[in-house]
Amino acid sequence: MMLSCWLHSSQDLQHVLERFAAECEAAGMRISTSKSEAMVLDRKRVACPLRVGWRGGEVLPQVEEFKYLGVLFTSEGKMEREIDRRIDWCSRPQLCGRCTGPSW
């Protein structure tokens, strides 16, 4: 699951995450901090420690890139690495037979 939103501050993002966690708890679920990561989309590196859980909880690890549904997202918001990754993948006929030959 990917939670995304446009916010102006890390406090706003923390508030949205707390509300999301409360809704999960109300539905009998909880956010797994061992399976969750945080990423801030910005042109420069921004530290944004997000906490999940009661009494401050655990800090989610902040990453610079991650894959979601097979697409590579980077914190800078650029797509060059994803495009290069796809070109490289399709240039190997043994891995991607449907990318070679006619497209019909």
PDB file of N, CA and C in Angstrom:
ATOM      1  N   MET A   1       0.827  -1.159   0.000  1.00  0.00           N
ATOM      2  CA  MET A   1       0.000   0.000   0.000  1.00  0.00           C
ATOM      3  C   MET A   1       0.878   1.230   0.000  1.00  0.00           C
ATOM      4  N   MET A   2       0.476   2.216  -0.756  1.00  0.00           N
ATOM      5  CA  MET A   2       1.240   3.450  -0.813  1.00  0.00           C
ATOM      6  C   MET A   2       0.333   4.587  -0.378  1.00  0.00           C
ATOM      7  N   LEU A   3       0.766   5.354   0.591  1.00  0.00           N
ATOM      8  CA  LEU A   3       0.042   6.521   1.065  1.00  0.00           C
ATOM      9  C   LEU A   3       0.778   7.736   0.548  1.00  0.00           C
ATOM     10  N   SER A   4       0.107   8.543  -0.255  1.00  0.00           N
ATOM     11  CA  SER A   4       0.774   9.729  -0.784  1.00  0.00           C
ATOM     12  C   SER A   4      -0.116  10.942  -0.583  1.00  0.00           C
ATOM     13  N   CYS A   5       0.509  12.067  -0.345  1.00  0.00           N
ATOM     14  CA  CYS A   5      -0.242  13.309  -0.184  1.00  0.00           C
ATOM     15  C   CYS A   5       0.704  14.487  -0.376  1.00  0.00           C
ATOM     16  N   TRP A   6       0.139  15.618  -0.729  1.00  0.00           N
ATOM     17  CA  TRP A   6       0.900  16.855  -0.908  1.00  0.00           C
ATOM     18  C   TRP A   6       0.729  17.688   0.351  1.00  0.00           C
ATOM     19  N   LEU A   7       1.798  17.892   1.074  1.00  0.00           N
ATOM     20  CA  LEU A   7       1.735  18.633   2.321  1.00  0.00           C
ATOM     21  C   LEU A   7       2.856  19.657   2.368  1.00  0.00           C
ATOM     22  N   HIS A   8       2.711  20.606   3.262  1.00  0.00           N
ATOM     23  CA  HIS A   8       3.680  21.694   3.350  1.00  0.00           C
ATOM     24  C   HIS A   8       4.745  21.504   4.418  1.00  0.00           C
ATOM     25  N   SER A   9       4.499  20.590   5.362  1.00  0.00           N
ATOM     26  CA  SER A   9       5.484  20.427   6.435  1.00  0.00           C
ATOM     27  C   SER A   9       5.505  18.986   6.923  1.00  0.00           C
ATOM     28  N   SER A  10       6.578  18.653   7.625  1.00  0.00           N
ATOM     29  CA  SER A  10       6.685  17.305   8.188  1.00  0.00           C
ATOM     30  C   SER A  10       5.649  17.105   9.290  1.00  0.00           C
ATOM     31  N   GLN A  11       5.251  18.185   9.968  1.00  0.00           N
ATOM     32  CA  GLN A  11       4.216  18.069  10.991  1.00  0.00           C
ATOM     33  C   GLN A  11       2.877  17.699  10.357  1.00  0.00           C
ATOM     34  N   ASP A  12       2.571  18.282   9.193  1.00  0.00           N
ATOM     35  CA  ASP A  12       1.338  17.923   8.487  1.00  0.00           C
ATOM     36  C   ASP A  12       1.355  16.454   8.098  1.00  0.00           C
ATOM     37  N   LEU A  13       2.498  15.986   7.599  1.00  0.00           N
ATOM     38  CA  LEU A  13       2.614  14.587   7.194  1.00  0.00           C
ATOM     39  C   LEU A  13       2.473  13.665   8.399  1.00  0.00           C
ATOM     40  N   GLN A  14       3.081  14.037   9.526  1.00  0.00           N
ATOM     41  CA  GLN A  14       2.960  13.233  10.742  1.00  0.00           C
ATOM     42  C   GLN A  14       1.496  13.162  11.181  1.00  0.00           C
ATOM     43  N   HIS A  15       0.779  14.267  11.087  1.00  0.00           N
ATOM     44  CA  HIS A  15      -0.629  14.291  11.472  1.00  0.00           C
ATOM     45  C   HIS A  15      -1.462  13.371  10.577  1.00  0.00           C
ATOM     46  N   VAL A  16      -1.216  13.407   9.265  1.00  0.00           N
ATOM     47  CA  VAL A  16      -1.934  12.533   8.330  1.00  0.00           C
ATOM     48  C   VAL A  16      -1.632  11.070   8.640  1.00  0.00           C
ATOM     49  N   LEU A  17      -0.382  10.761   8.927  1.00  0.00           N
ATOM     50  CA  LEU A  17      -0.005   9.386   9.258  1.00  0.00           C
ATOM     51  C   LEU A  17      -0.687   8.926  10.555  1.00  0.00           C
ATOM     52  N   GLU A  18      -0.772   9.805  11.545  1.00  0.00           N
ATOM     53  CA  GLU A  18      -1.447   9.456  12.798  1.00  0.00           C
ATOM     54  C   GLU A  18      -2.935   9.196  12.564  1.00  0.00           C
ATOM     55  N   ARG A  19      -3.560  10.000  11.735  1.00  0.00           N
ATOM     56  CA  ARG A  19      -4.975   9.786  11.430  1.00  0.00           C
ATOM     57  C   ARG A  19      -5.181   8.473  10.682  1.00  0.00           C
ATOM     58  N   PHE A  20      -4.270   8.174   9.734  1.00  0.00           N
ATOM     59  CA  PHE A  20      -4.339   6.921   8.988  1.00  0.00           C
ATOM     60  C   PHE A  20      -4.180   5.728   9.935  1.00  0.00           C
ATOM     61  N   ALA A  21      -3.213   5.825  10.851  1.00  0.00           N
ATOM     62  CA  ALA A  21      -2.981   4.748  11.824  1.00  0.00           C
ATOM     63  C   ALA A  21      -4.205   4.559  12.720  1.00  0.00           C
ATOM     64  N   ALA A  22      -4.857   5.660  13.107  1.00  0.00           N
ATOM     65  CA  ALA A  22      -6.060   5.569  13.942  1.00  0.00           C
ATOM     66  C   ALA A  22      -7.193   4.869  13.192  1.00  0.00           C
ATOM     67  N   GLU A  23      -7.345   5.169  11.911  1.00  0.00           N
ATOM     68  CA  GLU A  23      -8.379   4.506  11.101  1.00  0.00           C
ATOM     69  C   GLU A  23      -8.070   3.016  10.944  1.00  0.00           C
ATOM     70  N   CYS A  24      -6.803   2.696  10.776  1.00  0.00           N
ATOM     71  CA  CYS A  24      -6.409   1.283  10.699  1.00  0.00           C
ATOM     72  C   CYS A  24      -6.750   0.568  11.998  1.00  0.00           C
ATOM     73  N   GLU A  25      -6.397   1.186  13.129  1.00  0.00           N
ATOM     74  CA  GLU A  25      -6.689   0.588  14.438  1.00  0.00           C
ATOM     75  C   GLU A  25      -8.193   0.387  14.624  1.00  0.00           C
ATOM     76  N   ALA A  26      -9.003   1.373  14.198  1.00  0.00           N
ATOM     77  CA  ALA A  26     -10.460   1.272  14.334  1.00  0.00           C
ATOM     78  C   ALA A  26     -11.010   0.104  13.521  1.00  0.00           C
ATOM     79  N   ALA A  27     -10.320  -0.252  12.439  1.00  0.00           N
ATOM     80  CA  ALA A  27     -10.734  -1.366  11.591  1.00  0.00           C
ATOM     81  C   ALA A  27     -10.080  -2.683  12.018  1.00  0.00           C
ATOM     82  N   GLY A  28      -9.343  -2.654  13.138  1.00  0.00           N
ATOM     83  CA  GLY A  28      -8.709  -3.875  13.636  1.00  0.00           C
ATOM     84  C   GLY A  28      -7.387  -4.194  12.967  1.00  0.00           C
ATOM     85  N   MET A  29      -6.764  -3.206  12.324  1.00  0.00           N
ATOM     86  CA  MET A  29      -5.470  -3.412  11.661  1.00  0.00           C
ATOM     87  C   MET A  29      -4.448  -2.467  12.275  1.00  0.00           C
ATOM     88  N   ARG A  30      -3.190  -2.721  11.986  1.00  0.00           N
ATOM     89  CA  ARG A  30      -2.154  -1.793  12.409  1.00  0.00           C
ATOM     90  C   ARG A  30      -1.073  -1.721  11.353  1.00  0.00           C
ATOM     91  N   ILE A  31      -0.356  -0.638  11.340  1.00  0.00           N
ATOM     92  CA  ILE A  31       0.715  -0.434  10.369  1.00  0.00           C
ATOM     93  C   ILE A  31       1.936  -1.214  10.837  1.00  0.00           C
ATOM     94  N   SER A  32       2.458  -2.066   9.972  1.00  0.00           N
ATOM     95  CA  SER A  32       3.650  -2.846  10.285  1.00  0.00           C
ATOM     96  C   SER A  32       4.877  -1.989  10.009  1.00  0.00           C
ATOM     97  N   THR A  33       5.573  -1.600  11.066  1.00  0.00           N
ATOM     98  CA  THR A  33       6.759  -0.767  10.877  1.00  0.00           C
ATOM     99  C   THR A  33       7.917  -1.554  10.266  1.00  0.00           C
ATOM    100  N   SER A  34       7.886  -2.869  10.360  1.00  0.00           N
ATOM    101  CA  SER A  34       8.959  -3.664   9.752  1.00  0.00           C
ATOM    102  C   SER A  34       8.770  -3.788   8.244  1.00  0.00           C
ATOM    103  N   LYS A  35       7.568  -3.492   7.751  1.00  0.00           N
ATOM    104  CA  LYS A  35       7.288  -3.593   6.318  1.00  0.00           C
ATOM    105  C   LYS A  35       7.027  -2.232   5.680  1.00  0.00           C
ATOM    106  N   SER A  36       7.167  -1.161   6.449  1.00  0.00           N
ATOM    107  CA  SER A  36       6.838   0.178   5.960  1.00  0.00           C
ATOM    108  C   SER A  36       8.078   1.038   5.843  1.00  0.00           C
ATOM    109  N   GLU A  37       8.060   1.946   4.870  1.00  0.00           N
ATOM    110  CA  GLU A  37       9.142   2.893   4.657  1.00  0.00           C
ATOM    111  C   GLU A  37       8.528   4.249   4.337  1.00  0.00           C
ATOM    112  N   ALA A  38       9.313   5.297   4.509  1.00  0.00           N
ATOM    113  CA  ALA A  38       8.869   6.646   4.177  1.00  0.00           C
ATOM    114  C   ALA A  38       9.786   7.215   3.105  1.00  0.00           C
ATOM    115  N   MET A  39       9.216   7.996   2.204  1.00  0.00           N
ATOM    116  CA  MET A  39      10.012   8.675   1.189  1.00  0.00           C
ATOM    117  C   MET A  39       9.414  10.053   0.959  1.00  0.00           C
ATOM    118  N   VAL A  40      10.264  11.062   0.958  1.00  0.00           N
ATOM    119  CA  VAL A  40       9.840  12.434   0.717  1.00  0.00           C
ATOM    120  C   VAL A  40      10.249  12.806  -0.693  1.00  0.00           C
ATOM    121  N   LEU A  41       9.274  13.278  -1.474  1.00  0.00           N
ATOM    122  CA  LEU A  41       9.575  13.744  -2.826  1.00  0.00           C
ATOM    123  C   LEU A  41       9.966  15.211  -2.760  1.00  0.00           C
ATOM    124  N   ASP A  42      11.229  15.483  -3.078  1.00  0.00           N
ATOM    125  CA  ASP A  42      11.731  16.846  -3.067  1.00  0.00           C
ATOM    126  C   ASP A  42      12.986  16.878  -3.922  1.00  0.00           C
ATOM    127  N   ARG A  43      13.312  18.037  -4.453  1.00  0.00           N
ATOM    128  CA  ARG A  43      14.511  18.139  -5.289  1.00  0.00           C
ATOM    129  C   ARG A  43      15.789  18.043  -4.482  1.00  0.00           C
ATOM    130  N   LYS A  44      15.699  18.347  -3.204  1.00  0.00           N
ATOM    131  CA  LYS A  44      16.867  18.208  -2.331  1.00  0.00           C
ATOM    132  C   LYS A  44      16.527  17.217  -1.220  1.00  0.00           C
ATOM    133  N   ARG A  45      17.543  16.675  -0.594  1.00  0.00           N
ATOM    134  CA  ARG A  45      17.304  15.708   0.483  1.00  0.00           C
ATOM    135  C   ARG A  45      16.683  16.410   1.683  1.00  0.00           C
ATOM    136  N   VAL A  46      15.631  15.798   2.189  1.00  0.00           N
ATOM    137  CA  VAL A  46      14.918  16.349   3.337  1.00  0.00           C
ATOM    138  C   VAL A  46      14.734  15.236   4.361  1.00  0.00           C
ATOM    139  N   ALA A  47      15.183  15.476   5.586  1.00  0.00           N
ATOM    140  CA  ALA A  47      14.971  14.503   6.652  1.00  0.00           C
ATOM    141  C   ALA A  47      13.565  14.717   7.213  1.00  0.00           C
ATOM    142  N   CYS A  48      12.818  13.644   7.292  1.00  0.00           N
ATOM    143  CA  CYS A  48      11.442  13.718   7.775  1.00  0.00           C
ATOM    144  C   CYS A  48      11.150  12.473   8.609  1.00  0.00           C
ATOM    145  N   PRO A  49      11.585  12.470   9.878  1.00  0.00           N
ATOM    146  CA  PRO A  49      11.351  11.289  10.712  1.00  0.00           C
ATOM    147  C   PRO A  49       9.871  11.149  11.065  1.00  0.00           C
ATOM    148  N   LEU A  50       9.252  10.089  10.595  1.00  0.00           N
ATOM    149  CA  LEU A  50       7.837   9.831  10.860  1.00  0.00           C
ATOM    150  C   LEU A  50       7.717   8.709  11.880  1.00  0.00           C
ATOM    151  N   ARG A  51       6.873   8.908  12.862  1.00  0.00           N
ATOM    152  CA  ARG A  51       6.680   7.917  13.920  1.00  0.00           C
ATOM    153  C   ARG A  51       5.305   7.286  13.800  1.00  0.00           C
ATOM    154  N   VAL A  52       5.272   5.964  14.027  1.00  0.00           N
ATOM    155  CA  VAL A  52       4.015   5.209  13.990  1.00  0.00           C
ATOM    156  C   VAL A  52       3.872   4.483  15.309  1.00  0.00           C
ATOM    157  N   GLY A  53       2.697   4.552  15.898  1.00  0.00           N
ATOM    158  CA  GLY A  53       2.422   3.798  17.122  1.00  0.00           C
ATOM    159  C   GLY A  53       2.184   4.687  18.317  1.00  0.00           C
ATOM    160  N   TRP A  54       1.844   4.046  19.416  1.00  0.00           N
ATOM    161  CA  TRP A  54       1.535   4.745  20.661  1.00  0.00           C
ATOM    162  C   TRP A  54       2.781   5.330  21.297  1.00  0.00           C
ATOM    163  N   ARG A  55       2.616   6.445  21.995  1.00  0.00           N
ATOM    164  CA  ARG A  55       3.688   7.099  22.766  1.00  0.00           C
ATOM    165  C   ARG A  55       4.939   7.337  21.940  1.00  0.00           C
ATOM    166  N   GLY A  56       4.775   7.920  20.798  1.00  0.00           N
ATOM    167  CA  GLY A  56       5.932   8.209  19.955  1.00  0.00           C
ATOM    168  C   GLY A  56       6.249   7.117  18.973  1.00  0.00           C
ATOM    169  N   GLY A  57       6.007   5.875  19.355  1.00  0.00           N
ATOM    170  CA  GLY A  57       6.165   4.748  18.452  1.00  0.00           C
ATOM    171  C   GLY A  57       7.542   4.606  17.850  1.00  0.00           C
ATOM    172  N   GLU A  58       7.568   3.905  16.731  1.00  0.00           N
ATOM    173  CA  GLU A  58       8.819   3.638  16.027  1.00  0.00           C
ATOM    174  C   GLU A  58       8.960   4.576  14.841  1.00  0.00           C
ATOM    175  N   VAL A  59      10.188   4.948  14.530  1.00  0.00           N
ATOM    176  CA  VAL A  59      10.461   5.808  13.381  1.00  0.00           C
ATOM    177  C   VAL A  59      10.524   4.939  12.130  1.00  0.00           C
ATOM    178  N   LEU A  60       9.785   5.350  11.103  1.00  0.00           N
ATOM    179  CA  LEU A  60       9.842   4.626   9.827  1.00  0.00           C
ATOM    180  C   LEU A  60      11.155   4.957   9.129  1.00  0.00           C
ATOM    181  N   PRO A  61      11.836   3.967   8.557  1.00  0.00           N
ATOM    182  CA  PRO A  61      13.061   4.266   7.813  1.00  0.00           C
ATOM    183  C   PRO A  61      12.737   5.101   6.585  1.00  0.00           C
ATOM    184  N   GLN A  62      13.569   6.109   6.321  1.00  0.00           N
ATOM    185  CA  GLN A  62      13.374   6.965   5.155  1.00  0.00           C
ATOM    186  C   GLN A  62      14.295   6.478   4.040  1.00  0.00           C
ATOM    187  N   VAL A  63      13.710   6.279   2.859  1.00  0.00           N
ATOM    188  CA  VAL A  63      14.470   5.748   1.726  1.00  0.00           C
ATOM    189  C   VAL A  63      14.528   6.784   0.606  1.00  0.00           C
ATOM    190  N   GLU A  64      15.488   6.621  -0.294  1.00  0.00           N
ATOM    191  CA  GLU A  64      15.651   7.519  -1.439  1.00  0.00           C
ATOM    192  C   GLU A  64      14.931   6.989  -2.678  1.00  0.00           C
ATOM    193  N   GLU A  65      14.650   5.672  -2.688  1.00  0.00           N
ATOM    194  CA  GLU A  65      13.934   5.070  -3.813  1.00  0.00           C
ATOM    195  C   GLU A  65      13.227   3.806  -3.352  1.00  0.00           C
ATOM    196  N   PHE A  66      12.167   3.446  -4.073  1.00  0.00           N
ATOM    197  CA  PHE A  66      11.491   2.187  -3.822  1.00  0.00           C
ATOM    198  C   PHE A  66      10.673   1.798  -5.036  1.00  0.00           C
ATOM    199  N   LYS A  67      10.361   0.508  -5.127  1.00  0.00           N
ATOM    200  CA  LYS A  67       9.538  -0.001  -6.220  1.00  0.00           C
ATOM    201  C   LYS A  67       8.127  -0.183  -5.710  1.00  0.00           C
ATOM    202  N   TYR A  68       7.167   0.254  -6.513  1.00  0.00           N
ATOM    203  CA  TYR A  68       5.756   0.061  -6.198  1.00  0.00           C
ATOM    204  C   TYR A  68       5.080  -0.410  -7.472  1.00  0.00           C
ATOM    205  N   LEU A  69       4.472  -1.583  -7.402  1.00  0.00           N
ATOM    206  CA  LEU A  69       3.840  -2.209  -8.565  1.00  0.00           C
ATOM    207  C   LEU A  69       4.796  -2.271  -9.755  1.00  0.00           C
ATOM    208  N   GLY A  70       6.059  -2.570  -9.468  1.00  0.00           N
ATOM    209  CA  GLY A  70       7.064  -2.752 -10.508  1.00  0.00           C
ATOM    210  C   GLY A  70       7.659  -1.467 -11.058  1.00  0.00           C
ATOM    211  N   VAL A  71       7.262  -0.308 -10.541  1.00  0.00           N
ATOM    212  CA  VAL A  71       7.780   0.978 -11.020  1.00  0.00           C
ATOM    213  C   VAL A  71       8.719   1.547  -9.966  1.00  0.00           C
ATOM    214  N   LEU A  72       9.886   2.019 -10.419  1.00  0.00           N
ATOM    215  CA  LEU A  72      10.885   2.585  -9.518  1.00  0.00           C
ATOM    216  C   LEU A  72      10.591   4.070  -9.289  1.00  0.00           C
ATOM    217  N   PHE A  73      10.361   4.444  -8.025  1.00  0.00           N
ATOM    218  CA  PHE A  73      10.153   5.836  -7.634  1.00  0.00           C
ATOM    219  C   PHE A  73      11.397   6.323  -6.915  1.00  0.00           C
ATOM    220  N   THR A  74      11.812   7.560  -7.189  1.00  0.00           N
ATOM    221  CA  THR A  74      12.952   8.147  -6.497  1.00  0.00           C
ATOM    222  C   THR A  74      12.495   9.388  -5.740  1.00  0.00           C
ATOM    223  N   SER A  75      13.227   9.750  -4.702  1.00  0.00           N
ATOM    224  CA  SER A  75      12.848  10.893  -3.885  1.00  0.00           C
ATOM    225  C   SER A  75      12.949  12.209  -4.647  1.00  0.00           C
ATOM    226  N   GLU A  76      13.738  12.251  -5.715  1.00  0.00           N
ATOM    227  CA  GLU A  76      13.844  13.464  -6.524  1.00  0.00           C
ATOM    228  C   GLU A  76      12.685  13.596  -7.505  1.00  0.00           C
ATOM    229  N   GLY A  77      11.925  12.503  -7.689  1.00  0.00           N
ATOM    230  CA  GLY A  77      10.784  12.540  -8.594  1.00  0.00           C
ATOM    231  C   GLY A  77      11.148  12.379 -10.058  1.00  0.00           C
ATOM    232  N   LYS A  78      12.379  11.995 -10.322  1.00  0.00           N
ATOM    233  CA  LYS A  78      12.818  11.829 -11.708  1.00  0.00           C
ATOM    234  C   LYS A  78      12.543  10.412 -12.188  1.00  0.00           C
ATOM    235  N   MET A  79      12.386  10.243 -13.484  1.00  0.00           N
ATOM    236  CA  MET A  79      12.069   8.935 -14.058  1.00  0.00           C
ATOM    237  C   MET A  79      13.226   8.333 -14.865  1.00  0.00           C
ATOM    238  N   GLU A  80      14.366   9.009 -14.943  1.00  0.00           N
ATOM    239  CA  GLU A  80      15.465   8.527 -15.771  1.00  0.00           C
ATOM    240  C   GLU A  80      15.905   7.118 -15.388  1.00  0.00           C
ATOM    241  N   ARG A  81      16.052   6.856 -14.089  1.00  0.00           N
ATOM    242  CA  ARG A  81      16.505   5.521 -13.661  1.00  0.00           C
ATOM    243  C   ARG A  81      15.486   4.459 -14.030  1.00  0.00           C
ATOM    244  N   GLU A  82      14.192   4.769 -13.917  1.00  0.00           N
ATOM    245  CA  GLU A  82      13.145   3.815 -14.288  1.00  0.00           C
ATOM    246  C   GLU A  82      13.177   3.552 -15.789  1.00  0.00           C
ATOM    247  N   ILE A  83      13.355   4.590 -16.581  1.00  0.00           N
ATOM    248  CA  ILE A  83      13.421   4.423 -18.036  1.00  0.00           C
ATOM    249  C   ILE A  83      14.636   3.587 -18.410  1.00  0.00           C
ATOM    250  N   ASP A  84      15.805   3.902 -17.829  1.00  0.00           N
ATOM    251  CA  ASP A  84      17.017   3.121 -18.094  1.00  0.00           C
ATOM    252  C   ASP A  84      16.830   1.663 -17.681  1.00  0.00           C
ATOM    253  N   ARG A  85      16.168   1.432 -16.543  1.00  0.00           N
ATOM    254  CA  ARG A  85      15.933   0.066 -16.063  1.00  0.00           C
ATOM    255  C   ARG A  85      15.074  -0.708 -17.045  1.00  0.00           C
ATOM    256  N   ARG A  86      14.040  -0.076 -17.583  1.00  0.00           N
ATOM    257  CA  ARG A  86      13.167  -0.753 -18.545  1.00  0.00           C
ATOM    258  C   ARG A  86      13.870  -1.020 -19.869  1.00  0.00           C
ATOM    259  N   ILE A  87      14.654  -0.065 -20.332  1.00  0.00           N
ATOM    260  CA  ILE A  87      15.405  -0.265 -21.581  1.00  0.00           C
ATOM    261  C   ILE A  87      16.386  -1.415 -21.408  1.00  0.00           C
ATOM    262  N   ASP A  88      17.095  -1.431 -20.290  1.00  0.00           N
ATOM    263  CA  ASP A  88      18.047  -2.509 -20.014  1.00  0.00           C
ATOM    264  C   ASP A  88      17.334  -3.858 -19.956  1.00  0.00           C
ATOM    265  N   TRP A  89      16.185  -3.912 -19.278  1.00  0.00           N
ATOM    266  CA  TRP A  89      15.433  -5.164 -19.151  1.00  0.00           C
ATOM    267  C   TRP A  89      14.979  -5.667 -20.521  1.00  0.00           C
ATOM    268  N   CYS A  90      14.511  -4.775 -21.363  1.00  0.00           N
ATOM    269  CA  CYS A  90      14.000  -5.190 -22.673  1.00  0.00           C
ATOM    270  C   CYS A  90      15.110  -5.420 -23.703  1.00  0.00           C
ATOM    271  N   SER A  91      16.332  -5.025 -23.387  1.00  0.00           N
ATOM    272  CA  SER A  91      17.431  -5.284 -24.320  1.00  0.00           C
ATOM    273  C   SER A  91      17.989  -6.688 -24.161  1.00  0.00           C
ATOM    274  N   ARG A  92      17.456  -7.451 -23.193  1.00  0.00           N
ATOM    275  CA  ARG A  92      17.880  -8.830 -22.968  1.00  0.00           C
ATOM    276  C   ARG A  92      16.787  -9.772 -23.473  1.00  0.00           C
ATOM    277  N   PRO A  93      16.933 -10.297 -24.685  1.00  0.00           N
ATOM    278  CA  PRO A  93      15.871 -11.130 -25.254  1.00  0.00           C
ATOM    279  C   PRO A  93      15.554 -12.375 -24.425  1.00  0.00           C
ATOM    280  N   GLN A  94      16.517 -12.926 -23.729  1.00  0.00           N
ATOM    281  CA  GLN A  94      16.248 -14.116 -22.928  1.00  0.00           C
ATOM    282  C   GLN A  94      15.344 -13.803 -21.741  1.00  0.00           C
ATOM    283  N   LEU A  95      15.283 -12.538 -21.315  1.00  0.00           N
ATOM    284  CA  LEU A  95      14.435 -12.153 -20.187  1.00  0.00           C
ATOM    285  C   LEU A  95      13.090 -11.598 -20.621  1.00  0.00           C
ATOM    286  N   CYS A  96      13.041 -11.071 -21.827  1.00  0.00           N
ATOM    287  CA  CYS A  96      11.820 -10.391 -22.243  1.00  0.00           C
ATOM    288  C   CYS A  96      11.539 -10.691 -23.705  1.00  0.00           C
ATOM    289  N   GLY A  97      11.081 -11.900 -23.997  1.00  0.00           N
ATOM    290  CA  GLY A  97      10.816 -12.301 -25.371  1.00  0.00           C
ATOM    291  C   GLY A  97       9.750 -11.462 -26.055  1.00  0.00           C
ATOM    292  N   ARG A  98       8.802 -10.935 -25.299  1.00  0.00           N
ATOM    293  CA  ARG A  98       7.748 -10.162 -25.944  1.00  0.00           C
ATOM    294  C   ARG A  98       8.193  -8.755 -26.322  1.00  0.00           C
ATOM    295  N   CYS A  99       9.384  -8.327 -25.910  1.00  0.00           N
ATOM    296  CA  CYS A  99       9.861  -6.988 -26.270  1.00  0.00           C
ATOM    297  C   CYS A  99      10.662  -7.018 -27.565  1.00  0.00           C
ATOM    298  N   THR A 100      10.926  -8.177 -28.108  1.00  0.00           N
ATOM    299  CA  THR A 100      11.706  -8.263 -29.333  1.00  0.00           C
ATOM    300  C   THR A 100      10.797  -8.696 -30.474  1.00  0.00           C
ATOM    301  N   GLY A 101      11.201  -8.418 -31.664  1.00  0.00           N
ATOM    302  CA  GLY A 101      10.415  -8.810 -32.827  1.00  0.00           C
ATOM    303  C   GLY A 101       9.240  -7.885 -33.079  1.00  0.00           C
ATOM    304  N   PRO A 102       8.383  -8.254 -34.036  1.00  0.00           N
ATOM    305  CA  PRO A 102       7.249  -7.400 -34.366  1.00  0.00           C
ATOM    306  C   PRO A 102       6.293  -7.238 -33.174  1.00  0.00           C
ATOM    307  N   SER A 103       5.625  -6.115 -33.142  1.00  0.00           N
ATOM    308  CA  SER A 103       4.725  -5.844 -32.024  1.00  0.00           C
ATOM    309  C   SER A 103       3.311  -6.299 -32.293  1.00  0.00           C
ATOM    310  N   TRP A 104       3.044  -7.025 -33.380  1.00  0.00           N
ATOM    311  CA  TRP A 104       1.678  -7.505 -33.627  1.00  0.00           C
ATOM    312  C   TRP A 104       1.547  -8.971 -33.351  1.00  0.00           C
TER     313      TRP A 104
END
